[in-house]
Amino acid sequence: MANTCCWYETRIPEPLMKSLLDDLDKVDKNTFIKSEINALEPHIQNNIRKSQHCWIPTSYWIGGFLWHYIMTANKDNFLYDISHIEHDMIQYTQYNKGIIIIGILIWTYVI
């Protein structure tokens, strides 16, 4: 049975994480879209998930970096037949509490 949550102790060096976060901070703020839980059902409280997201091409260096971890988690847990990232874009979601979600990976990083 596959795990529903995966955690890998990557020991990614702090300067590399800082570089990644610095690069993400340079994303054009005009490309962000306000995230909503379900725009078609207004009775759902969107104030629970206050975030915004945009799309980053997989050709950007972060895409290749993340692909390694995506494939490792898949091989160790899910065994899906993954050949590429759909539409060659990675969803980058910003929450204003220090949590960054990129694609299907979650990093909590305090600056």
Protein backbone atom coordinates (compact mmCIF):
# COMPACT_ATOMS: atom_id res chain seq x y z
CA MET A 1 0.00 0.00 0.00
CA ALA A 2 1.33 3.41 -0.92
CA ASN A 3 2.00 6.05 1.68
CA THR A 4 -0.26 9.07 1.49
CA CYS A 5 2.45 11.38 2.80
CA CYS A 6 6.17 11.26 2.04
CA TRP A 7 9.06 12.89 3.80
CA TYR A 8 12.65 12.85 2.60
CA GLU A 9 15.58 14.16 4.61
CA THR A 10 17.32 15.83 1.67
CA ARG A 11 19.83 17.95 3.54
CA ILE A 12 19.54 20.55 0.81
CA PRO A 13 22.13 23.18 1.70
CA GLU A 14 20.72 26.42 3.05
CA PRO A 15 22.42 28.54 0.33
CA LEU A 16 20.69 26.44 -2.36
CA MET A 17 17.29 26.83 -0.66
CA LYS A 18 17.92 30.57 -0.34
CA SER A 19 18.79 30.74 -4.04
CA LEU A 20 15.62 28.85 -4.95
CA LEU A 21 13.47 31.12 -2.79
CA ASP A 22 15.22 34.24 -4.12
CA ASP A 23 14.51 33.12 -7.69
CA LEU A 24 10.86 32.44 -6.87
CA ASP A 25 10.63 35.88 -5.29
CA LYS A 26 11.50 37.34 -8.71
CA VAL A 27 8.40 35.83 -10.36
CA ASP A 28 6.33 38.63 -11.90
CA LYS A 29 3.67 39.45 -9.31
CA ASN A 30 1.23 40.23 -12.15
CA THR A 31 1.19 36.54 -13.15
CA PHE A 32 -0.29 35.40 -9.83
CA ILE A 33 -3.94 34.37 -9.67
CA LYS A 34 -5.96 34.45 -6.46
CA SER A 35 -6.54 30.83 -5.47
CA GLU A 36 -10.05 29.81 -4.57
CA ILE A 37 -11.24 26.50 -3.19
CA ASN A 38 -14.15 26.29 -5.60
CA ALA A 39 -15.31 29.38 -7.45
CA LEU A 40 -18.48 27.56 -8.56
CA GLU A 41 -19.70 26.97 -5.00
CA PRO A 42 -19.84 30.34 -3.21
CA HIS A 43 -21.06 28.76 0.06
CA ILE A 44 -17.56 27.31 0.60
CA GLN A 45 -15.49 29.64 2.75
CA ASN A 46 -12.50 30.77 0.72
CA ASN A 47 -11.02 32.58 3.72
CA ILE A 48 -9.72 29.21 4.94
CA ARG A 49 -7.28 28.97 2.04
CA LYS A 50 -5.90 32.41 1.36
CA SER A 51 -3.27 31.98 -1.30
CA GLN A 52 -2.26 32.90 -4.80
CA HIS A 53 -0.60 30.85 -7.50
CA CYS A 54 1.13 31.09 -10.85
CA TRP A 55 2.75 28.68 -13.28
CA ILE A 56 6.49 28.14 -13.80
CA PRO A 57 7.82 26.38 -16.93
CA THR A 58 9.54 23.05 -16.29
CA SER A 59 12.41 24.26 -18.47
CA TYR A 60 13.37 26.61 -15.63
CA TRP A 61 16.08 25.09 -13.39
CA ILE A 62 13.67 24.55 -10.51
CA GLY A 63 11.67 22.11 -12.66
CA GLY A 64 14.62 19.78 -13.18
CA PHE A 65 15.55 20.03 -9.53
CA LEU A 66 12.04 19.07 -8.41
CA TRP A 67 11.70 16.30 -11.00
CA HIS A 68 14.26 14.22 -9.10
CA TYR A 69 12.17 14.34 -5.91
CA ILE A 70 8.90 13.77 -7.74
CA MET A 71 10.29 10.63 -9.34
CA THR A 72 11.88 9.42 -6.09
CA ALA A 73 8.59 9.76 -4.19
CA ASN A 74 6.72 8.05 -7.04
CA LYS A 75 9.18 5.14 -7.26
CA ASP A 76 9.20 4.59 -3.48
CA ASN A 77 5.46 4.97 -2.89
CA PHE A 78 3.02 5.22 -5.77
CA LEU A 79 4.46 3.55 -8.89
CA TYR A 80 2.46 5.72 -11.29
CA ASP A 81 3.55 5.76 -14.93
CA ILE A 82 4.87 9.33 -14.93
CA SER A 83 6.67 10.51 -18.04
CA HIS A 84 6.44 14.29 -17.74
CA ILE A 85 4.77 17.18 -15.95
CA GLU A 86 1.46 18.04 -17.59
CA HIS A 87 1.64 21.06 -19.87
CA ASP A 88 5.30 21.46 -18.83
CA MET A 89 4.25 23.82 -16.05
CA ILE A 90 4.69 23.65 -12.28
CA GLN A 91 2.14 25.30 -10.03
CA TYR A 92 3.78 27.65 -7.56
CA THR A 93 1.47 28.57 -4.68
CA GLN A 94 2.22 31.29 -2.14
CA TYR A 95 0.73 31.28 1.31
CA ASN A 96 1.64 34.25 3.44
CA LYS A 97 2.58 32.11 6.44
CA GLY A 98 5.98 30.89 5.20
CA ILE A 99 4.71 27.76 3.46
CA ILE A 100 5.64 27.31 -0.16
CA ILE A 101 4.00 24.64 -2.29
CA ILE A 102 5.55 23.85 -5.64
CA GLY A 103 3.97 21.21 -7.80
CA ILE A 104 3.25 18.22 -5.62
CA LEU A 105 6.07 18.87 -3.17
CA ILE A 106 5.67 20.82 0.05
CA TRP A 107 8.53 22.64 1.72
CA THR A 108 8.17 24.52 4.94
CA TYR A 109 11.02 26.92 5.19
CA VAL A 110 11.40 29.75 7.68
CA ILE A 111 13.47 32.68 6.49
